Protein backbone atom coordinates (compact mmCIF):
# COMPACT_ATOMS: atom_id res chain seq x y z
CA UNK A 1 0.00 0.00 0.00
CA UNK A 2 1.47 3.37 -0.90
CA UNK A 3 1.36 6.60 1.06
CA UNK A 4 -1.37 8.22 -1.08
CA UNK A 5 -3.77 5.34 -0.46
CA UNK A 6 -3.33 5.76 3.28
CA UNK A 7 -4.14 9.45 3.05
CA UNK A 8 -7.38 8.76 1.24
CA UNK A 9 -8.37 5.90 3.53
CA UNK A 10 -8.49 3.55 0.53
CA UNK A 11 -6.69 0.29 -0.18
CA UNK A 12 -6.19 -0.99 -3.74
CA UNK A 13 -7.87 -4.24 -4.74
CA UNK A 14 -4.55 -6.03 -5.21
CA UNK A 15 -3.60 -5.39 -1.56
CA UNK A 16 -7.02 -6.51 -0.32
CA UNK A 17 -6.78 -9.74 -2.30
CA UNK A 18 -3.38 -10.53 -0.81
CA UNK A 19 -4.24 -9.64 2.77
CA UNK A 20 -7.58 -11.49 2.82
CA UNK A 21 -6.47 -14.36 0.58
CA UNK A 22 -9.42 -14.06 -1.79
CA UNK A 23 -9.81 -13.82 -5.57
CA UNK A 24 -11.35 -11.20 -7.86
CA UNK A 25 -14.58 -13.16 -8.09
CA UNK A 26 -15.03 -13.23 -4.31
CA UNK A 27 -14.43 -9.49 -4.01
CA UNK A 28 -16.93 -8.84 -6.82
CA UNK A 29 -19.54 -10.99 -5.07
CA UNK A 30 -18.94 -9.26 -1.74
CA UNK A 31 -19.33 -5.86 -3.41
CA UNK A 32 -22.55 -6.92 -5.13
CA UNK A 33 -24.09 -8.16 -1.89
CA UNK A 34 -22.86 -5.18 0.14
CA UNK A 35 -20.64 -7.32 2.37
CA UNK A 36 -17.56 -5.32 1.34
CA UNK A 37 -18.41 -2.23 -0.73
CA UNK A 38 -15.90 -1.04 -3.30
CA UNK A 39 -14.99 2.41 -4.54
CA UNK A 40 -14.12 3.08 -8.16
CA UNK A 41 -11.57 5.81 -8.83
CA UNK A 42 -11.00 6.11 -12.54
CA UNK A 43 -10.28 2.56 -13.71
CA UNK A 44 -9.11 1.42 -10.29
CA UNK A 45 -11.04 -0.43 -7.61
CA UNK A 46 -10.38 0.38 -3.97
CA UNK A 47 -11.79 -0.52 -0.58
CA UNK A 48 -12.24 1.73 2.44
CA UNK A 49 -9.95 1.04 5.37
CA UNK A 50 -12.93 1.45 7.71
CA UNK A 51 -14.89 -1.28 5.87
CA UNK A 52 -11.88 -3.61 5.97
CA UNK A 53 -11.50 -3.06 9.71
CA UNK A 54 -15.18 -3.93 10.26
CA UNK A 55 -14.78 -7.06 8.16
CA UNK A 56 -11.65 -8.30 9.88
CA UNK A 57 -13.05 -7.60 13.35
CA UNK A 58 -16.28 -9.38 12.42
CA UNK A 59 -18.26 -6.31 13.41
CA UNK A 60 -21.67 -5.35 12.16
CA UNK A 61 -22.00 -2.70 9.48
PDB file of N, CA and C in Angstrom:
ATOM      1  N   UNK A   1       0.859  -1.164   0.000  1.00  0.00           N
ATOM      2  CA  UNK A   1       0.000   0.000   0.000  1.00  0.00           C
ATOM      3  C   UNK A   1       0.905   1.227   0.000  1.00  0.00           C
ATOM      4  N   UNK A   2       0.623   2.187  -0.880  1.00  0.00           N
ATOM      5  CA  UNK A   2       1.475   3.371  -0.903  1.00  0.00           C
ATOM      6  C   UNK A   2       0.916   4.481  -0.025  1.00  0.00           C
ATOM      7  N   UNK A   3       1.709   5.500   0.161  1.00  0.00           N
ATOM      8  CA  UNK A   3       1.361   6.598   1.061  1.00  0.00           C
ATOM      9  C   UNK A   3       0.072   7.298   0.659  1.00  0.00           C
ATOM     10  N   UNK A   4      -0.159   7.525  -0.628  1.00  0.00           N
ATOM     11  CA  UNK A   4      -1.368   8.224  -1.080  1.00  0.00           C
ATOM     12  C   UNK A   4      -2.627   7.457  -0.726  1.00  0.00           C
ATOM     13  N   UNK A   5      -2.597   6.137  -0.809  1.00  0.00           N
ATOM     14  CA  UNK A   5      -3.768   5.341  -0.457  1.00  0.00           C
ATOM     15  C   UNK A   5      -4.104   5.506   1.019  1.00  0.00           C
ATOM     16  N   UNK A   6      -3.096   5.553   1.862  1.00  0.00           N
ATOM     17  CA  UNK A   6      -3.327   5.764   3.282  1.00  0.00           C
ATOM     18  C   UNK A   6      -3.998   7.092   3.543  1.00  0.00           C
ATOM     19  N   UNK A   7      -3.571   8.132   2.846  1.00  0.00           N
ATOM     20  CA  UNK A   7      -4.141   9.453   3.053  1.00  0.00           C
ATOM     21  C   UNK A   7      -5.613   9.492   2.685  1.00  0.00           C
ATOM     22  N   UNK A   8      -5.994   8.762   1.682  1.00  0.00           N
ATOM     23  CA  UNK A   8      -7.377   8.755   1.240  1.00  0.00           C
ATOM     24  C   UNK A   8      -8.240   7.765   2.018  1.00  0.00           C
ATOM     25  N   UNK A   9      -7.621   6.917   2.794  1.00  0.00           N
ATOM     26  CA  UNK A   9      -8.372   5.904   3.527  1.00  0.00           C
ATOM     27  C   UNK A   9      -8.830   4.775   2.628  1.00  0.00           C
ATOM     28  N   UNK A  10      -8.124   4.582   1.487  1.00  0.00           N
ATOM     29  CA  UNK A  10      -8.491   3.547   0.535  1.00  0.00           C
ATOM     30  C   UNK A  10      -7.334   2.577   0.335  1.00  0.00           C
ATOM     31  N   UNK A  11      -7.676   1.328   0.064  1.00  0.00           N
ATOM     32  CA  UNK A  11      -6.692   0.288  -0.183  1.00  0.00           C
ATOM     33  C   UNK A  11      -6.983  -0.290  -1.572  1.00  0.00           C
ATOM     34  N   UNK A  12      -5.955  -0.421  -2.405  1.00  0.00           N
ATOM     35  CA  UNK A  12      -6.187  -0.990  -3.739  1.00  0.00           C
ATOM     36  C   UNK A  12      -6.607  -2.459  -3.673  1.00  0.00           C
ATOM     37  N   UNK A  13      -7.359  -2.873  -4.686  1.00  0.00           N
ATOM     38  CA  UNK A  13      -7.874  -4.241  -4.745  1.00  0.00           C
ATOM     39  C   UNK A  13      -6.766  -5.281  -4.626  1.00  0.00           C
ATOM     40  N   UNK A  14      -5.637  -5.050  -5.253  1.00  0.00           N
ATOM     41  CA  UNK A  14      -4.547  -6.034  -5.209  1.00  0.00           C
ATOM     42  C   UNK A  14      -4.077  -6.282  -3.776  1.00  0.00           C
ATOM     43  N   UNK A  15      -4.007  -5.236  -2.966  1.00  0.00           N
ATOM     44  CA  UNK A  15      -3.598  -5.390  -1.564  1.00  0.00           C
ATOM     45  C   UNK A  15      -4.658  -6.125  -0.747  1.00  0.00           C
ATOM     46  N   UNK A  16      -5.926  -5.845  -1.039  1.00  0.00           N
ATOM     47  CA  UNK A  16      -7.019  -6.505  -0.322  1.00  0.00           C
ATOM     48  C   UNK A  16      -7.020  -8.001  -0.634  1.00  0.00           C
ATOM     49  N   UNK A  17      -6.830  -8.333  -1.903  1.00  0.00           N
ATOM     50  CA  UNK A  17      -6.778  -9.739  -2.304  1.00  0.00           C
ATOM     51  C   UNK A  17      -5.682 -10.480  -1.562  1.00  0.00           C
ATOM     52  N   UNK A  18      -4.512  -9.885  -1.492  1.00  0.00           N
ATOM     53  CA  UNK A  18      -3.384 -10.529  -0.810  1.00  0.00           C
ATOM     54  C   UNK A  18      -3.625 -10.669   0.687  1.00  0.00           C
ATOM     55  N   UNK A  19      -4.096  -9.603   1.318  1.00  0.00           N
ATOM     56  CA  UNK A  19      -4.241  -9.643   2.774  1.00  0.00           C
ATOM     57  C   UNK A  19      -5.382 -10.550   3.230  1.00  0.00           C
ATOM     58  N   UNK A  20      -6.458 -10.636   2.433  1.00  0.00           N
ATOM     59  CA  UNK A  20      -7.580 -11.490   2.817  1.00  0.00           C
ATOM     60  C   UNK A  20      -7.490 -12.885   2.212  1.00  0.00           C
ATOM     61  N   UNK A  21      -6.612 -13.055   1.224  1.00  0.00           N
ATOM     62  CA  UNK A  21      -6.466 -14.361   0.584  1.00  0.00           C
ATOM     63  C   UNK A  21      -7.673 -14.761  -0.249  1.00  0.00           C
ATOM     64  N   UNK A  22      -8.254 -13.788  -0.956  1.00  0.00           N
ATOM     65  CA  UNK A  22      -9.420 -14.062  -1.789  1.00  0.00           C
ATOM     66  C   UNK A  22      -9.126 -13.679  -3.239  1.00  0.00           C
ATOM     67  N   UNK A  23      -9.995 -14.100  -4.148  1.00  0.00           N
ATOM     68  CA  UNK A  23      -9.808 -13.824  -5.570  1.00  0.00           C
ATOM     69  C   UNK A  23     -10.726 -12.684  -6.026  1.00  0.00           C
ATOM     70  N   UNK A  24     -10.537 -12.272  -7.278  1.00  0.00           N
ATOM     71  CA  UNK A  24     -11.352 -11.201  -7.856  1.00  0.00           C
ATOM     72  C   UNK A  24     -12.846 -11.517  -7.778  1.00  0.00           C
ATOM     73  N   UNK A  25     -13.167 -12.750  -8.060  1.00  0.00           N
ATOM     74  CA  UNK A  25     -14.578 -13.159  -8.088  1.00  0.00           C
ATOM     75  C   UNK A  25     -15.236 -13.004  -6.710  1.00  0.00           C
ATOM     76  N   UNK A  26     -14.510 -13.370  -5.675  1.00  0.00           N
ATOM     77  CA  UNK A  26     -15.035 -13.235  -4.313  1.00  0.00           C
ATOM     78  C   UNK A  26     -15.254 -11.767  -3.970  1.00  0.00           C
ATOM     79  N   UNK A  27     -14.277 -10.915  -4.292  1.00  0.00           N
ATOM     80  CA  UNK A  27     -14.429  -9.486  -4.013  1.00  0.00           C
ATOM     81  C   UNK A  27     -15.605  -8.892  -4.780  1.00  0.00           C
ATOM     82  N   UNK A  28     -15.800  -9.322  -6.016  1.00  0.00           N
ATOM     83  CA  UNK A  28     -16.930  -8.836  -6.815  1.00  0.00           C
ATOM     84  C   UNK A  28     -18.260  -9.260  -6.185  1.00  0.00           C
ATOM     85  N   UNK A  29     -18.321 -10.498  -5.715  1.00  0.00           N
ATOM     86  CA  UNK A  29     -19.543 -10.990  -5.069  1.00  0.00           C
ATOM     87  C   UNK A  29     -19.823 -10.232  -3.776  1.00  0.00           C
ATOM     88  N   UNK A  30     -18.769  -9.995  -2.990  1.00  0.00           N
ATOM     89  CA  UNK A  30     -18.944  -9.256  -1.742  1.00  0.00           C
ATOM     90  C   UNK A  30     -19.421  -7.833  -2.012  1.00  0.00           C
ATOM     91  N   UNK A  31     -18.904  -7.214  -3.066  1.00  0.00           N
ATOM     92  CA  UNK A  31     -19.332  -5.856  -3.406  1.00  0.00           C
ATOM     93  C   UNK A  31     -20.792  -5.854  -3.842  1.00  0.00           C
ATOM     94  N   UNK A  32     -21.184  -6.837  -4.632  1.00  0.00           N
ATOM     95  CA  UNK A  32     -22.554  -6.915  -5.134  1.00  0.00           C
ATOM     96  C   UNK A  32     -23.558  -7.104  -4.004  1.00  0.00           C
ATOM     97  N   UNK A  33     -23.181  -7.888  -3.003  1.00  0.00           N
ATOM     98  CA  UNK A  33     -24.091  -8.161  -1.893  1.00  0.00           C
ATOM     99  C   UNK A  33     -24.008  -7.106  -0.787  1.00  0.00           C
ATOM    100  N   UNK A  34     -23.010  -6.207  -0.885  1.00  0.00           N
ATOM    101  CA  UNK A  34     -22.858  -5.177   0.139  1.00  0.00           C
ATOM    102  C   UNK A  34     -22.009  -5.601   1.320  1.00  0.00           C
ATOM    103  N   UNK A  35     -21.479  -6.815   1.273  1.00  0.00           N
ATOM    104  CA  UNK A  35     -20.641  -7.324   2.365  1.00  0.00           C
ATOM    105  C   UNK A  35     -19.354  -6.519   2.504  1.00  0.00           C
ATOM    106  N   UNK A  36     -18.760  -6.149   1.355  1.00  0.00           N
ATOM    107  CA  UNK A  36     -17.559  -5.318   1.339  1.00  0.00           C
ATOM    108  C   UNK A  36     -17.664  -4.369   0.148  1.00  0.00           C
ATOM    109  N   UNK A  37     -18.233  -3.189   0.364  1.00  0.00           N
ATOM    110  CA  UNK A  37     -18.409  -2.231  -0.732  1.00  0.00           C
ATOM    111  C   UNK A  37     -17.073  -1.799  -1.330  1.00  0.00           C
ATOM    112  N   UNK A  38     -17.101  -1.512  -2.619  1.00  0.00           N
ATOM    113  CA  UNK A  38     -15.896  -1.045  -3.296  1.00  0.00           C
ATOM    114  C   UNK A  38     -16.095   0.381  -3.780  1.00  0.00           C
ATOM    115  N   UNK A  39     -14.986   1.033  -4.046  1.00  0.00           N
ATOM    116  CA  UNK A  39     -14.994   2.412  -4.538  1.00  0.00           C
ATOM    117  C   UNK A  39     -14.216   2.426  -5.835  1.00  0.00           C
ATOM    118  N   UNK A  40     -14.823   2.956  -6.882  1.00  0.00           N
ATOM    119  CA  UNK A  40     -14.125   3.084  -8.160  1.00  0.00           C
ATOM    120  C   UNK A  40     -13.536   4.483  -8.259  1.00  0.00           C
ATOM    121  N   UNK A  41     -12.260   4.540  -8.581  1.00  0.00           N
ATOM    122  CA  UNK A  41     -11.575   5.812  -8.828  1.00  0.00           C
ATOM    123  C   UNK A  41     -10.906   5.653 -10.184  1.00  0.00           C
ATOM    124  N   UNK A  42     -11.476   6.313 -11.182  1.00  0.00           N
ATOM    125  CA  UNK A  42     -10.995   6.110 -12.543  1.00  0.00           C
ATOM    126  C   UNK A  42     -11.227   4.659 -12.926  1.00  0.00           C
ATOM    127  N   UNK A  43     -10.175   3.978 -13.346  1.00  0.00           N
ATOM    128  CA  UNK A  43     -10.284   2.564 -13.707  1.00  0.00           C
ATOM    129  C   UNK A  43      -9.936   1.643 -12.548  1.00  0.00           C
ATOM    130  N   UNK A  44      -9.524   2.223 -11.433  1.00  0.00           N
ATOM    131  CA  UNK A  44      -9.109   1.417 -10.290  1.00  0.00           C
ATOM    132  C   UNK A  44     -10.243   1.088  -9.343  1.00  0.00           C
ATOM    133  N   UNK A  45     -10.078  -0.015  -8.628  1.00  0.00           N
ATOM    134  CA  UNK A  45     -11.039  -0.431  -7.607  1.00  0.00           C
ATOM    135  C   UNK A  45     -10.325  -0.426  -6.263  1.00  0.00           C
ATOM    136  N   UNK A  46     -10.954   0.223  -5.305  1.00  0.00           N
ATOM    137  CA  UNK A  46     -10.382   0.383  -3.968  1.00  0.00           C
ATOM    138  C   UNK A  46     -11.417   0.016  -2.925  1.00  0.00           C
ATOM    139  N   UNK A  47     -10.929  -0.197  -1.715  1.00  0.00           N
ATOM    140  CA  UNK A  47     -11.787  -0.525  -0.584  1.00  0.00           C
ATOM    141  C   UNK A  47     -11.443   0.395   0.569  1.00  0.00           C
ATOM    142  N   UNK A  48     -12.461   0.820   1.318  1.00  0.00           N
ATOM    143  CA  UNK A  48     -12.242   1.725   2.443  1.00  0.00           C
ATOM    144  C   UNK A  48     -11.591   0.974   3.606  1.00  0.00           C
ATOM    145  N   UNK A  49     -10.622   1.623   4.209  1.00  0.00           N
ATOM    146  CA  UNK A  49      -9.947   1.042   5.371  1.00  0.00           C
ATOM    147  C   UNK A  49     -10.973   0.748   6.471  1.00  0.00           C
ATOM    148  N   UNK A  50     -11.923   1.643   6.661  1.00  0.00           N
ATOM    149  CA  UNK A  50     -12.933   1.454   7.710  1.00  0.00           C
ATOM    150  C   UNK A  50     -13.771   0.204   7.458  1.00  0.00           C
ATOM    151  N   UNK A  51     -14.116  -0.069   6.189  1.00  0.00           N
ATOM    152  CA  UNK A  51     -14.888  -1.276   5.868  1.00  0.00           C
ATOM    153  C   UNK A  51     -14.048  -2.534   6.093  1.00  0.00           C
ATOM    154  N   UNK A  52     -12.764  -2.458   5.755  1.00  0.00           N
ATOM    155  CA  UNK A  52     -11.884  -3.607   5.966  1.00  0.00           C
ATOM    156  C   UNK A  52     -11.710  -3.904   7.450  1.00  0.00           C
ATOM    157  N   UNK A  53     -11.621  -2.860   8.256  1.00  0.00           N
ATOM    158  CA  UNK A  53     -11.497  -3.060   9.706  1.00  0.00           C
ATOM    159  C   UNK A  53     -12.740  -3.739  10.267  1.00  0.00           C
ATOM    160  N   UNK A  54     -13.918  -3.308   9.810  1.00  0.00           N
ATOM    161  CA  UNK A  54     -15.177  -3.929  10.263  1.00  0.00           C
ATOM    162  C   UNK A  54     -15.207  -5.398   9.878  1.00  0.00           C
ATOM    163  N   UNK A  55     -14.767  -5.679   8.656  1.00  0.00           N
ATOM    164  CA  UNK A  55     -14.785  -7.055   8.159  1.00  0.00           C
ATOM    165  C   UNK A  55     -13.839  -7.947   8.955  1.00  0.00           C
ATOM    166  N   UNK A  56     -12.631  -7.473   9.187  1.00  0.00           N
ATOM    167  CA  UNK A  56     -11.651  -8.297   9.880  1.00  0.00           C
ATOM    168  C   UNK A  56     -11.946  -8.441  11.365  1.00  0.00           C
ATOM    169  N   UNK A  57     -12.650  -7.499  11.939  1.00  0.00           N
ATOM    170  CA  UNK A  57     -13.045  -7.604  13.350  1.00  0.00           C
ATOM    171  C   UNK A  57     -14.334  -8.394  13.493  1.00  0.00           C
ATOM    172  N   UNK A  58     -15.025  -8.636  12.363  1.00  0.00           N
ATOM    173  CA  UNK A  58     -16.281  -9.378  12.421  1.00  0.00           C
ATOM    174  C   UNK A  58     -17.419  -8.535  12.929  1.00  0.00           C
ATOM    175  N   UNK A  59     -17.236  -7.210  12.918  1.00  0.00           N
ATOM    176  CA  UNK A  59     -18.264  -6.313  13.413  1.00  0.00           C
ATOM    177  C   UNK A  59     -19.403  -6.114  12.453  1.00  0.00           C
ATOM    178  N   UNK A  60     -20.492  -5.660  12.966  1.00  0.00           N
ATOM    179  CA  UNK A  60     -21.671  -5.354  12.161  1.00  0.00           C
ATOM    180  C   UNK A  60     -21.473  -4.048  11.427  1.00  0.00           C
ATOM    181  N   UNK A  61     -22.087  -3.928  10.272  1.00  0.00           N
ATOM    182  CA  UNK A  61     -22.001  -2.704   9.484  1.00  0.00           C
ATOM    183  C   UNK A  61     -23.096  -1.748   9.841  1.00  0.00           C
TER     184      UNK A  61
END
